[in-house]
Amino acid sequence: MENIVFLDSDTIVANLRSPAFAHQWESYPATDAEQVVARLQDATIAITNKVPLRREMLERLPKLKMIAIAATGTDNVDIECCRERGVTVSNIRNYSVHTVPEHVFMLMLALRRNLLAFHADVRNGEWQKATQFCLFTHTVRDLYGSTLGIMGNGAIGRAVAEIARTFGMKVLVAEHKGVVQVRPGYTAFDTVLQESDVITLHLPLNEQTRHLIGGAEFERMQAHALLINTARGGLVDEMALLEALKSGSIAGAGFDVLDKEPPTAGHPLLDLDMPNFILTPHIAWSGSAAMQTLANQLIANIEAYAAGAPHNRVV
C-alpha cells in the first residue's frame, strides 16, 4: 500500500479527490525544512508544491519512490539526486495557460496606460484642479502597434503571443541567450532586448536562466520598455531591476514573483513605492479554474504512477 504525504496542502485551494487505489494519506498545511525528513520517513509518495526536497533530505528517505510536484516548476526538487536514486518525479503541465496570460496583460495594460499614477492623481485631487475635462499628467501608450518580446516559448508563452497578436502587437520570440544560430521563428536574444516595448518572461529557473536579465540587459532595453515576470523571481537580478527603475533605464516593471518567497520584511522591492512598479504575491497562476485543473492533474499523476505508467515525468 502506498503511503502518500502532502507537505504543503494549503498551497492549493481546490477540491482534491482521493486517489482511486488503496493508500494511506497524510496531509500537512505547511512544512518547514527541518520537518521534511521526519514527515516523509515512511512515505512512498511525497507531494510538494514549494517545499524544497534537497539531496541531503532525499538520501535519508529510502522508502520514497515518487515525488508528485503540485506545480510546473521543478527547481525545489533535486532532480539529479532523484535520477540517481530511481525516484520518479512528475509535475503539473499546461494548467495555467489562461490564467497566467490574463495576469500578464493586466500588468502590461496597467503599466502601459499608467493606471496607478492616474489613480493616485485622482485620489490626490489633481483632476478636480484641472482646467479642462481630462488630465494629461502621464503618458498613455497603447499595446496596438507595439512590440512584445517573449522569453520562453512553452504553452504559456504561446498563449501570451496569441493574445498579443489579437491586440495588434508584433511578437518576437527570443532565442536562447548567447546562441549564435537562431532557429526559424525565433529572434536573437539581444535583438529582442533592443527592439521590444514590453518583455515578458515564461521560463523555468535553472543554472542557465538564473539572472537571465541583469544590469547589462537593462542597458540594452529601450527607456520606454516594460519588463513583466510571472515565472520565477530568480530569472531577474533584483538589485539590477531596482537600479533600472530608479535610474529610468526602463519605464516600468510588473512582477508576480521574487527570488525568495515569501519575502522577508525589508526586501527592497517590497518597499519600492513607484507608480511604474507593480508587485503581486505569486498569484498569477491561481485562478480558481486553473487551481482545480492542477488538483485533478496532481491526483491523476499519482494514479498513473501507481498503475505503472507514470505521466508528466520529469525523471
C-alpha atoms as a PDB file:
ATOM      1  CA  MET A   1       0.000   0.000   0.000  1.00  0.00           C
ATOM      2  CA  GLU A   2       1.293   3.439  -0.934  1.00  0.00           C
ATOM      3  CA  ASN A   3       1.853   5.945   1.866  1.00  0.00           C
ATOM      4  CA  ILE A   4       1.187   9.432   0.485  1.00  0.00           C
ATOM      5  CA  VAL A   5       2.285  12.568   2.340  1.00  0.00           C
ATOM      6  CA  PHE A   6       1.336  16.084   1.177  1.00  0.00           C
ATOM      7  CA  LEU A   7       3.826  18.536   2.669  1.00  0.00           C
ATOM      8  CA  ASP A   8       2.100  21.863   1.913  1.00  0.00           C
ATOM      9  CA  SER A   9      -1.591  21.347   1.225  1.00  0.00           C
ATOM     10  CA  ASP A  10      -2.510  24.976   1.966  1.00  0.00           C
ATOM     11  CA  THR A  11      -0.874  25.931  -1.336  1.00  0.00           C
ATOM     12  CA  ILE A  12      -3.852  24.531  -3.234  1.00  0.00           C
ATOM     13  CA  VAL A  13      -7.364  25.906  -2.826  1.00  0.00           C
ATOM     14  CA  ALA A  14      -9.397  23.301  -4.707  1.00  0.00           C
ATOM     15  CA  ASN A  15     -11.331  20.072  -4.327  1.00  0.00           C
ATOM     16  CA  LEU A  16      -8.654  17.392  -4.038  1.00  0.00           C
ATOM     17  CA  ARG A  17     -10.195  13.972  -4.608  1.00  0.00           C
ATOM     18  CA  SER A  18      -8.821  10.799  -3.080  1.00  0.00           C
ATOM     19  CA  PRO A  19      -6.610   8.602  -5.321  1.00  0.00           C
ATOM     20  CA  ALA A  20      -8.513   5.610  -6.689  1.00  0.00           C
ATOM     21  CA  PHE A  21      -6.308   2.895  -5.194  1.00  0.00           C
ATOM     22  CA  ALA A  22      -5.557   1.579  -1.728  1.00  0.00           C
ATOM     23  CA  HIS A  23      -3.365   4.051   0.133  1.00  0.00           C
ATOM     24  CA  GLN A  24      -2.675   5.902   3.333  1.00  0.00           C
ATOM     25  CA  TRP A  25      -2.916   9.695   3.185  1.00  0.00           C
ATOM     26  CA  GLU A  26      -1.300  12.262   5.451  1.00  0.00           C
ATOM     27  CA  SER A  27      -1.525  15.986   4.832  1.00  0.00           C
ATOM     28  CA  TYR A  28       0.192  18.997   6.396  1.00  0.00           C
ATOM     29  CA  PRO A  29      -0.857  22.610   5.716  1.00  0.00           C
ATOM     30  CA  ALA A  30       2.820  23.628   5.618  1.00  0.00           C
ATOM     31  CA  THR A  31       6.211  22.053   6.317  1.00  0.00           C
ATOM     32  CA  ASP A  32       9.495  23.652   7.350  1.00  0.00           C
ATOM     33  CA  ALA A  33      12.796  22.314   6.030  1.00  0.00           C
ATOM     34  CA  GLU A  34      13.719  20.743   9.359  1.00  0.00           C
ATOM     35  CA  GLN A  35      10.417  18.807   9.411  1.00  0.00           C
ATOM     36  CA  VAL A  36      10.708  17.231   5.954  1.00  0.00           C
ATOM     37  CA  VAL A  37      12.667  14.074   6.771  1.00  0.00           C
ATOM     38  CA  ALA A  38      10.562  13.173   9.801  1.00  0.00           C
ATOM     39  CA  ARG A  39       7.292  13.661   7.945  1.00  0.00           C
ATOM     40  CA  LEU A  40       8.447  11.656   4.906  1.00  0.00           C
ATOM     41  CA  GLN A  41      10.207   8.882   6.836  1.00  0.00           C
ATOM     42  CA  ASP A  42       7.577   6.283   5.899  1.00  0.00           C
ATOM     43  CA  ALA A  43       6.283   7.929   2.743  1.00  0.00           C
ATOM     44  CA  THR A  44       6.440   6.169  -0.604  1.00  0.00           C
ATOM     45  CA  ILE A  45       4.891   9.129  -2.421  1.00  0.00           C
ATOM     46  CA  ALA A  46       5.567  12.758  -1.467  1.00  0.00           C
ATOM     47  CA  ILE A  47       3.534  15.708  -2.695  1.00  0.00           C
ATOM     48  CA  THR A  48       5.171  19.121  -2.627  1.00  0.00           C
ATOM     49  CA  ASN A  49       4.318  22.422  -4.170  1.00  0.00           C
ATOM     50  CA  LYS A  50       7.112  24.648  -2.891  1.00  0.00           C
ATOM     51  CA  VAL A  51       8.729  22.711  -0.013  1.00  0.00           C
ATOM     52  CA  PRO A  52      12.351  22.008  -1.085  1.00  0.00           C
ATOM     53  CA  LEU A  53      13.467  18.389  -1.356  1.00  0.00           C
ATOM     54  CA  ARG A  54      17.265  18.534  -1.479  1.00  0.00           C
ATOM     55  CA  ARG A  55      19.859  15.785  -1.734  1.00  0.00           C
ATOM     56  CA  GLU A  56      20.631  15.771   1.991  1.00  0.00           C
ATOM     57  CA  MET A  57      16.945  15.099   2.664  1.00  0.00           C
ATOM     58  CA  LEU A  58      16.351  12.576  -0.114  1.00  0.00           C
ATOM     59  CA  GLU A  59      19.321  10.438   0.902  1.00  0.00           C
ATOM     60  CA  ARG A  60      17.645   9.929   4.284  1.00  0.00           C
ATOM     61  CA  LEU A  61      14.368   8.716   2.750  1.00  0.00           C
ATOM     62  CA  PRO A  62      14.954   5.151   1.496  1.00  0.00           C
ATOM     63  CA  LYS A  63      11.241   4.345   1.170  1.00  0.00           C
ATOM     64  CA  LEU A  64      10.460   7.268  -1.123  1.00  0.00           C
ATOM     65  CA  LYS A  65       9.592   6.117  -4.653  1.00  0.00           C
ATOM     66  CA  MET A  66       7.766   9.065  -6.186  1.00  0.00           C
ATOM     67  CA  ILE A  67       7.576  12.849  -5.844  1.00  0.00           C
ATOM     68  CA  ALA A  68       4.442  14.489  -7.202  1.00  0.00           C
ATOM     69  CA  ILE A  69       5.169  18.195  -7.648  1.00  0.00           C
ATOM     70  CA  ALA A  70       1.970  20.215  -7.343  1.00  0.00           C
ATOM     71  CA  ALA A  71       3.309  22.846  -9.739  1.00  0.00           C
ATOM     72  CA  THR A  72       5.083  23.140 -13.072  1.00  0.00           C
ATOM     73  CA  GLY A  73       8.416  24.396 -11.747  1.00  0.00           C
ATOM     74  CA  THR A  74      10.821  21.731 -10.518  1.00  0.00           C
ATOM     75  CA  ASP A  75      13.597  23.893  -9.066  1.00  0.00           C
ATOM     76  CA  ASN A  76      12.624  22.962  -5.482  1.00  0.00           C
ATOM     77  CA  VAL A  77      13.465  19.274  -6.062  1.00  0.00           C
ATOM     78  CA  ASP A  78      16.949  17.839  -6.614  1.00  0.00           C
ATOM     79  CA  ILE A  79      16.186  16.152  -9.927  1.00  0.00           C
ATOM     80  CA  GLU A  80      19.665  14.688 -10.379  1.00  0.00           C
ATOM     81  CA  CYS A  81      19.527  13.016  -6.958  1.00  0.00           C
ATOM     82  CA  CYS A  82      16.104  11.566  -7.819  1.00  0.00           C
ATOM     83  CA  ARG A  83      17.503  10.196 -11.065  1.00  0.00           C
ATOM     84  CA  GLU A  84      20.386   8.553  -9.214  1.00  0.00           C
ATOM     85  CA  ARG A  85      18.082   7.026  -6.616  1.00  0.00           C
ATOM     86  CA  GLY A  86      15.402   5.876  -9.065  1.00  0.00           C
ATOM     87  CA  VAL A  87      12.745   8.198  -7.624  1.00  0.00           C
ATOM     88  CA  THR A  88      10.060   9.090 -10.162  1.00  0.00           C
ATOM     89  CA  VAL A  89       9.201  12.792 -10.369  1.00  0.00           C
ATOM     90  CA  SER A  90       6.087  14.145 -12.073  1.00  0.00           C
ATOM     91  CA  ASN A  91       4.945  17.748 -12.383  1.00  0.00           C
ATOM     92  CA  ILE A  92       1.846  19.662 -13.480  1.00  0.00           C
ATOM     93  CA  ARG A  93       1.623  20.917 -17.049  1.00  0.00           C
ATOM     94  CA  ASN A  94      -0.441  23.369 -19.068  1.00  0.00           C
ATOM     95  CA  TYR A  95      -2.956  24.050 -16.303  1.00  0.00           C
ATOM     96  CA  SER A  96      -2.443  27.827 -16.218  1.00  0.00           C
ATOM     97  CA  VAL A  97      -2.447  28.644 -19.923  1.00  0.00           C
ATOM     98  CA  HIS A  98      -5.379  31.053 -19.480  1.00  0.00           C
ATOM     99  CA  THR A  99      -4.964  32.500 -16.012  1.00  0.00           C
ATOM    100  CA  VAL A 100      -1.253  33.456 -16.265  1.00  0.00           C
ATOM    101  CA  PRO A 101      -1.593  35.228 -19.635  1.00  0.00           C
ATOM    102  CA  GLU A 102      -4.548  37.197 -18.252  1.00  0.00           C
ATOM    103  CA  HIS A 103      -2.373  38.320 -15.346  1.00  0.00           C
ATOM    104  CA  VAL A 104       0.414  39.255 -17.765  1.00  0.00           C
ATOM    105  CA  PHE A 105      -1.903  41.526 -19.711  1.00  0.00           C
ATOM    106  CA  MET A 106      -3.382  43.015 -16.541  1.00  0.00           C
ATOM    107  CA  LEU A 107       0.126  44.119 -15.550  1.00  0.00           C
ATOM    108  CA  MET A 108       1.020  45.173 -19.066  1.00  0.00           C
ATOM    109  CA  LEU A 109      -2.079  47.316 -19.586  1.00  0.00           C
ATOM    110  CA  ALA A 110      -1.870  48.912 -16.147  1.00  0.00           C
ATOM    111  CA  LEU A 111       1.743  49.940 -16.778  1.00  0.00           C
ATOM    112  CA  ARG A 112       1.416  51.000 -20.421  1.00  0.00           C
ATOM    113  CA  ARG A 113      -1.554  53.197 -19.557  1.00  0.00           C
ATOM    114  CA  ASN A 114      -0.116  54.455 -16.238  1.00  0.00           C
ATOM    115  CA  LEU A 115      -3.099  53.211 -14.250  1.00  0.00           C
ATOM    116  CA  LEU A 116      -1.520  53.535 -10.799  1.00  0.00           C
ATOM    117  CA  ALA A 117      -0.242  57.061 -11.464  1.00  0.00           C
ATOM    118  CA  PHE A 118      -3.592  58.308 -12.748  1.00  0.00           C
ATOM    119  CA  HIS A 119      -5.404  56.643  -9.861  1.00  0.00           C
ATOM    120  CA  ALA A 120      -3.092  58.429  -7.424  1.00  0.00           C
ATOM    121  CA  ASP A 121      -3.720  61.767  -9.156  1.00  0.00           C
ATOM    122  CA  VAL A 122      -7.484  61.386  -8.846  1.00  0.00           C
ATOM    123  CA  ARG A 123      -7.164  60.326  -5.218  1.00  0.00           C
ATOM    124  CA  ASN A 124      -4.942  63.334  -4.526  1.00  0.00           C
ATOM    125  CA  GLY A 125      -7.374  65.808  -6.094  1.00  0.00           C
ATOM    126  CA  GLU A 126      -5.401  66.644  -9.240  1.00  0.00           C
ATOM    127  CA  TRP A 127      -8.337  66.069 -11.627  1.00  0.00           C
ATOM    128  CA  GLN A 128     -10.509  68.364  -9.586  1.00  0.00           C
ATOM    129  CA  LYS A 129      -7.991  71.171 -10.126  1.00  0.00           C
ATOM    130  CA  ALA A 130      -7.799  70.676 -13.904  1.00  0.00           C
ATOM    131  CA  THR A 131      -8.837  73.494 -16.259  1.00  0.00           C
ATOM    132  CA  GLN A 132     -10.285  71.050 -18.805  1.00  0.00           C
ATOM    133  CA  PHE A 133     -12.215  67.789 -18.827  1.00  0.00           C
ATOM    134  CA  CYS A 134      -9.164  65.486 -18.841  1.00  0.00           C
ATOM    135  CA  LEU A 135      -5.842  65.293 -17.047  1.00  0.00           C
ATOM    136  CA  PHE A 136      -2.651  64.875 -19.078  1.00  0.00           C
ATOM    137  CA  THR A 137      -0.221  64.216 -16.238  1.00  0.00           C
ATOM    138  CA  HIS A 138       1.211  60.930 -17.556  1.00  0.00           C
ATOM    139  CA  THR A 139       1.928  59.311 -20.897  1.00  0.00           C
ATOM    140  CA  VAL A 140      -0.571  56.749 -22.155  1.00  0.00           C
ATOM    141  CA  ARG A 141       0.810  54.146 -24.551  1.00  0.00           C
ATOM    142  CA  ASP A 142      -1.306  51.658 -26.491  1.00  0.00           C
ATOM    143  CA  LEU A 143      -0.480  47.999 -26.898  1.00  0.00           C
ATOM    144  CA  TYR A 144      -1.608  48.157 -30.527  1.00  0.00           C
ATOM    145  CA  GLY A 145       1.374  48.584 -32.823  1.00  0.00           C
ATOM    146  CA  SER A 146       3.943  47.922 -30.073  1.00  0.00           C
ATOM    147  CA  THR A 147       6.439  45.056 -29.957  1.00  0.00           C
ATOM    148  CA  LEU A 148       6.253  42.275 -27.380  1.00  0.00           C
ATOM    149  CA  GLY A 149       9.334  40.188 -26.676  1.00  0.00           C
ATOM    150  CA  ILE A 150       8.592  36.755 -25.215  1.00  0.00           C
ATOM    151  CA  MET A 151      11.310  34.775 -23.478  1.00  0.00           C
ATOM    152  CA  GLY A 152      10.066  31.208 -23.207  1.00  0.00           C
ATOM    153  CA  ASN A 153       8.047  29.506 -25.933  1.00  0.00           C
ATOM    154  CA  GLY A 154       6.148  26.908 -23.937  1.00  0.00           C
ATOM    155  CA  ALA A 155       2.384  26.676 -23.591  1.00  0.00           C
ATOM    156  CA  ILE A 156       2.082  29.904 -21.566  1.00  0.00           C
ATOM    157  CA  GLY A 157       4.457  31.853 -23.803  1.00  0.00           C
ATOM    158  CA  ARG A 158       2.486  30.769 -26.872  1.00  0.00           C
ATOM    159  CA  ALA A 159      -0.815  31.719 -25.208  1.00  0.00           C
ATOM    160  CA  VAL A 160       0.582  35.179 -24.406  1.00  0.00           C
ATOM    161  CA  ALA A 161       1.695  35.530 -28.027  1.00  0.00           C
ATOM    162  CA  GLU A 162      -1.796  34.672 -29.275  1.00  0.00           C
ATOM    163  CA  ILE A 163      -3.412  37.336 -27.104  1.00  0.00           C
ATOM    164  CA  ALA A 164      -0.737  39.866 -28.068  1.00  0.00           C
ATOM    165  CA  ARG A 165      -1.441  39.407 -31.756  1.00  0.00           C
ATOM    166  CA  THR A 166      -5.141  39.951 -31.055  1.00  0.00           C
ATOM    167  CA  PHE A 167      -4.197  43.308 -29.513  1.00  0.00           C
ATOM    168  CA  GLY A 168      -2.303  44.123 -32.698  1.00  0.00           C
ATOM    169  CA  MET A 169       1.154  43.705 -31.211  1.00  0.00           C
ATOM    170  CA  LYS A 170       4.210  42.499 -33.094  1.00  0.00           C
ATOM    171  CA  VAL A 171       5.575  39.412 -31.349  1.00  0.00           C
ATOM    172  CA  LEU A 172       9.256  38.451 -31.115  1.00  0.00           C
ATOM    173  CA  VAL A 173      10.104  35.088 -29.565  1.00  0.00           C
ATOM    174  CA  ALA A 174      13.615  35.195 -28.091  1.00  0.00           C
ATOM    175  CA  GLU A 175      16.280  32.652 -28.940  1.00  0.00           C
ATOM    176  CA  HIS A 176      18.355  31.319 -26.042  1.00  0.00           C
ATOM    177  CA  LYS A 177      20.829  33.812 -24.620  1.00  0.00           C
ATOM    178  CA  GLY A 178      24.294  33.562 -26.164  1.00  0.00           C
ATOM    179  CA  VAL A 179      23.207  31.309 -29.049  1.00  0.00           C
ATOM    180  CA  VAL A 180      24.745  32.198 -32.425  1.00  0.00           C
ATOM    181  CA  GLN A 181      22.457  30.095 -34.620  1.00  0.00           C
ATOM    182  CA  VAL A 182      18.917  31.493 -34.461  1.00  0.00           C
ATOM    183  CA  ARG A 183      16.150  28.987 -35.161  1.00  0.00           C
ATOM    184  CA  PRO A 184      13.377  29.754 -37.654  1.00  0.00           C
ATOM    185  CA  GLY A 185      10.562  31.627 -35.930  1.00  0.00           C
ATOM    186  CA  TYR A 186      12.879  32.980 -33.227  1.00  0.00           C
ATOM    187  CA  THR A 187      14.723  36.288 -32.834  1.00  0.00           C
ATOM    188  CA  ALA A 188      18.197  36.773 -31.408  1.00  0.00           C
ATOM    189  CA  PHE A 189      18.162  37.432 -27.653  1.00  0.00           C
ATOM    190  CA  ASP A 190      19.897  40.821 -27.907  1.00  0.00           C
ATOM    191  CA  THR A 191      17.585  41.928 -30.716  1.00  0.00           C
ATOM    192  CA  VAL A 192      14.576  41.174 -28.531  1.00  0.00           C
ATOM    193  CA  LEU A 193      16.086  43.274 -25.747  1.00  0.00           C
ATOM    194  CA  GLN A 194      16.741  46.185 -28.090  1.00  0.00           C
ATOM    195  CA  GLU A 195      13.508  46.198 -30.109  1.00  0.00           C
ATOM    196  CA  SER A 196      10.793  45.250 -27.608  1.00  0.00           C
ATOM    197  CA  ASP A 197       8.441  47.746 -26.000  1.00  0.00           C
ATOM    198  CA  VAL A 198       7.462  45.056 -23.495  1.00  0.00           C
ATOM    199  CA  ILE A 199       9.367  41.913 -22.497  1.00  0.00           C
ATOM    200  CA  THR A 200       7.636  39.057 -20.665  1.00  0.00           C
ATOM    201  CA  LEU A 201       9.358  36.051 -19.091  1.00  0.00           C
ATOM    202  CA  HIS A 202       7.982  32.498 -19.237  1.00  0.00           C
ATOM    203  CA  LEU A 203      10.973  30.304 -18.433  1.00  0.00           C
ATOM    204  CA  PRO A 204      11.929  27.723 -15.818  1.00  0.00           C
ATOM    205  CA  LEU A 205      14.587  28.675 -13.282  1.00  0.00           C
ATOM    206  CA  ASN A 206      17.812  26.717 -13.614  1.00  0.00           C
ATOM    207  CA  GLU A 207      21.548  27.305 -13.801  1.00  0.00           C
ATOM    208  CA  GLN A 208      21.267  28.600 -17.366  1.00  0.00           C
ATOM    209  CA  THR A 209      18.412  31.036 -16.703  1.00  0.00           C
ATOM    210  CA  ARG A 210      19.285  32.435 -13.264  1.00  0.00           C
ATOM    211  CA  HIS A 211      19.759  36.204 -13.584  1.00  0.00           C
ATOM    212  CA  LEU A 212      18.948  35.987 -17.281  1.00  0.00           C
ATOM    213  CA  ILE A 213      18.094  39.671 -17.004  1.00  0.00           C
ATOM    214  CA  GLY A 214      20.647  41.823 -15.187  1.00  0.00           C
ATOM    215  CA  GLY A 215      22.350  45.174 -15.451  1.00  0.00           C
ATOM    216  CA  ALA A 216      23.767  44.577 -18.944  1.00  0.00           C
ATOM    217  CA  GLU A 217      20.364  43.517 -20.269  1.00  0.00           C
ATOM    218  CA  PHE A 218      18.583  46.533 -18.770  1.00  0.00           C
ATOM    219  CA  GLU A 219      21.107  48.782 -20.510  1.00  0.00           C
ATOM    220  CA  ARG A 220      20.174  47.246 -23.881  1.00  0.00           C
ATOM    221  CA  MET A 221      16.434  47.742 -23.348  1.00  0.00           C
ATOM    222  CA  GLN A 222      14.625  50.846 -24.550  1.00  0.00           C
ATOM    223  CA  ALA A 223      13.983  53.565 -21.990  1.00  0.00           C
ATOM    224  CA  HIS A 224      10.208  53.264 -22.506  1.00  0.00           C
ATOM    225  CA  ALA A 225      10.240  49.445 -22.239  1.00  0.00           C
ATOM    226  CA  LEU A 226       8.498  47.348 -19.596  1.00  0.00           C
ATOM    227  CA  LEU A 227       9.571  44.046 -18.029  1.00  0.00           C
ATOM    228  CA  ILE A 228       6.910  41.539 -16.930  1.00  0.00           C
ATOM    229  CA  ASN A 229       7.832  38.492 -14.835  1.00  0.00           C
ATOM    230  CA  THR A 230       5.214  35.941 -13.817  1.00  0.00           C
ATOM    231  CA  ALA A 231       7.607  32.971 -13.988  1.00  0.00           C
ATOM    232  CA  ARG A 232      10.361  32.828 -11.332  1.00  0.00           C
ATOM    233  CA  GLY A 233      11.952  35.651  -9.367  1.00  0.00           C
ATOM    234  CA  GLY A 234      15.487  34.343  -9.857  1.00  0.00           C
ATOM    235  CA  LEU A 235      15.297  34.989 -13.592  1.00  0.00           C
ATOM    236  CA  VAL A 236      15.985  38.651 -12.851  1.00  0.00           C
ATOM    237  CA  ASP A 237      18.758  40.238 -10.801  1.00  0.00           C
ATOM    238  CA  GLU A 238      16.538  42.116  -8.345  1.00  0.00           C
ATOM    239  CA  MET A 239      19.171  44.701  -7.412  1.00  0.00           C
ATOM    240  CA  ALA A 240      19.750  45.455 -11.086  1.00  0.00           C
ATOM    241  CA  LEU A 241      15.978  45.823 -11.534  1.00  0.00           C
ATOM    242  CA  LEU A 242      15.805  48.243  -8.622  1.00  0.00           C
ATOM    243  CA  GLU A 243      18.585  50.350 -10.131  1.00  0.00           C
ATOM    244  CA  ALA A 244      16.997  50.277 -13.598  1.00  0.00           C
ATOM    245  CA  LEU A 245      13.684  51.522 -12.212  1.00  0.00           C
ATOM    246  CA  LYS A 246      15.232  54.246 -10.087  1.00  0.00           C
ATOM    247  CA  SER A 247      17.554  55.450 -12.857  1.00  0.00           C
ATOM    248  CA  GLY A 248      14.894  55.361 -15.559  1.00  0.00           C
ATOM    249  CA  SER A 249      16.764  52.798 -17.669  1.00  0.00           C
ATOM    250  CA  ILE A 250      13.370  51.173 -18.241  1.00  0.00           C
ATOM    251  CA  ALA A 251       9.887  52.633 -17.930  1.00  0.00           C
ATOM    252  CA  GLY A 252       8.445  50.089 -15.527  1.00  0.00           C
ATOM    253  CA  ALA A 253       8.037  46.510 -14.394  1.00  0.00           C
ATOM    254  CA  GLY A 254       5.266  44.178 -13.317  1.00  0.00           C
ATOM    255  CA  PHE A 255       6.314  41.211 -11.164  1.00  0.00           C
ATOM    256  CA  ASP A 256       4.338  38.366  -9.606  1.00  0.00           C
ATOM    257  CA  VAL A 257       7.425  36.619  -8.228  1.00  0.00           C
ATOM    258  CA  LEU A 258      10.511  37.273  -6.115  1.00  0.00           C
ATOM    259  CA  ASP A 259      13.733  35.330  -5.690  1.00  0.00           C
ATOM    260  CA  LYS A 260      12.835  34.415  -2.092  1.00  0.00           C
ATOM    261  CA  GLU A 261       9.203  33.615  -1.315  1.00  0.00           C
ATOM    262  CA  PRO A 262       7.655  34.555   0.956  1.00  0.00           C
ATOM    263  CA  PRO A 263       9.918  37.607   1.121  1.00  0.00           C
ATOM    264  CA  THR A 264      11.214  38.925   4.405  1.00  0.00           C
ATOM    265  CA  ALA A 265      10.435  42.375   5.750  1.00  0.00           C
ATOM    266  CA  GLY A 266      12.762  44.989   4.362  1.00  0.00           C
ATOM    267  CA  HIS A 267      13.075  43.471   0.893  1.00  0.00           C
ATOM    268  CA  PRO A 268      13.810  46.496  -1.338  1.00  0.00           C
ATOM    269  CA  LEU A 269      11.164  45.620  -3.924  1.00  0.00           C
ATOM    270  CA  LEU A 270       8.505  45.291  -1.214  1.00  0.00           C
ATOM    271  CA  ASP A 271       9.256  48.841  -0.093  1.00  0.00           C
ATOM    272  CA  LEU A 272       9.520  50.292  -3.603  1.00  0.00           C
ATOM    273  CA  ASP A 273       6.717  52.855  -3.850  1.00  0.00           C
ATOM    274  CA  MET A 274       6.722  53.843  -7.522  1.00  0.00           C
ATOM    275  CA  PRO A 275       3.688  54.054  -9.823  1.00  0.00           C
ATOM    276  CA  ASN A 276       5.619  52.245 -12.560  1.00  0.00           C
ATOM    277  CA  PHE A 277       6.267  49.125 -10.483  1.00  0.00           C
ATOM    278  CA  ILE A 278       3.573  46.576  -9.649  1.00  0.00           C
ATOM    279  CA  LEU A 279       4.256  43.593  -7.399  1.00  0.00           C
ATOM    280  CA  THR A 280       1.657  40.877  -6.827  1.00  0.00           C
ATOM    281  CA  PRO A 281       2.167  37.946  -4.385  1.00  0.00           C
ATOM    282  CA  HIS A 282       2.729  34.992  -6.758  1.00  0.00           C
ATOM    283  CA  ILE A 283      -0.926  34.599  -7.663  1.00  0.00           C
ATOM    284  CA  ALA A 284      -0.879  34.789 -11.486  1.00  0.00           C
ATOM    285  CA  TRP A 285      -1.373  31.011 -11.614  1.00  0.00           C
ATOM    286  CA  SER A 286      -4.165  30.848  -9.049  1.00  0.00           C
ATOM    287  CA  GLY A 287      -7.383  31.381 -10.979  1.00  0.00           C
ATOM    288  CA  SER A 288      -9.994  29.055  -9.472  1.00  0.00           C
ATOM    289  CA  ALA A 289     -10.452  27.015 -12.655  1.00  0.00           C
ATOM    290  CA  ALA A 290      -6.687  26.642 -13.057  1.00  0.00           C
ATOM    291  CA  MET A 291      -6.272  25.508  -9.446  1.00  0.00           C
ATOM    292  CA  GLN A 292      -8.931  22.833  -9.865  1.00  0.00           C
ATOM    293  CA  THR A 293      -7.243  21.645 -13.063  1.00  0.00           C
ATOM    294  CA  LEU A 294      -3.973  21.445 -11.137  1.00  0.00           C
ATOM    295  CA  ALA A 295      -5.589  19.441  -8.325  1.00  0.00           C
ATOM    296  CA  ASN A 296      -7.164  16.996 -10.780  1.00  0.00           C
ATOM    297  CA  GLN A 297      -3.895  16.523 -12.667  1.00  0.00           C
ATOM    298  CA  LEU A 298      -1.951  16.038  -9.433  1.00  0.00           C
ATOM    299  CA  ILE A 299      -4.072  13.066  -8.408  1.00  0.00           C
ATOM    300  CA  ALA A 300      -4.065  11.735 -11.987  1.00  0.00           C
ATOM    301  CA  ASN A 301      -0.245  11.802 -11.946  1.00  0.00           C
ATOM    302  CA  ILE A 302      -0.190   9.792  -8.712  1.00  0.00           C
ATOM    303  CA  GLU A 303      -2.718   7.289 -10.053  1.00  0.00           C
ATOM    304  CA  ALA A 304      -0.725   6.871 -13.276  1.00  0.00           C
ATOM    305  CA  TYR A 305       2.415   6.147 -11.257  1.00  0.00           C
ATOM    306  CA  ALA A 306       0.580   3.616  -9.071  1.00  0.00           C
ATOM    307  CA  ALA A 307      -0.722   1.916 -12.237  1.00  0.00           C
ATOM    308  CA  GLY A 308       2.839   1.528 -13.538  1.00  0.00           C
ATOM    309  CA  ALA A 309       2.573   4.131 -16.295  1.00  0.00           C
ATOM    310  CA  PRO A 310       3.906   7.432 -14.859  1.00  0.00           C
ATOM    311  CA  HIS A 311       2.552  10.548 -16.548  1.00  0.00           C
ATOM    312  CA  ASN A 312       4.150  14.005 -16.864  1.00  0.00           C
ATOM    313  CA  ARG A 313       7.514  12.557 -15.863  1.00  0.00           C
ATOM    314  CA  VAL A 314      10.425  14.853 -15.187  1.00  0.00           C
ATOM    315  CA  VAL A 315      12.579  11.839 -14.346  1.00  0.00           C
END
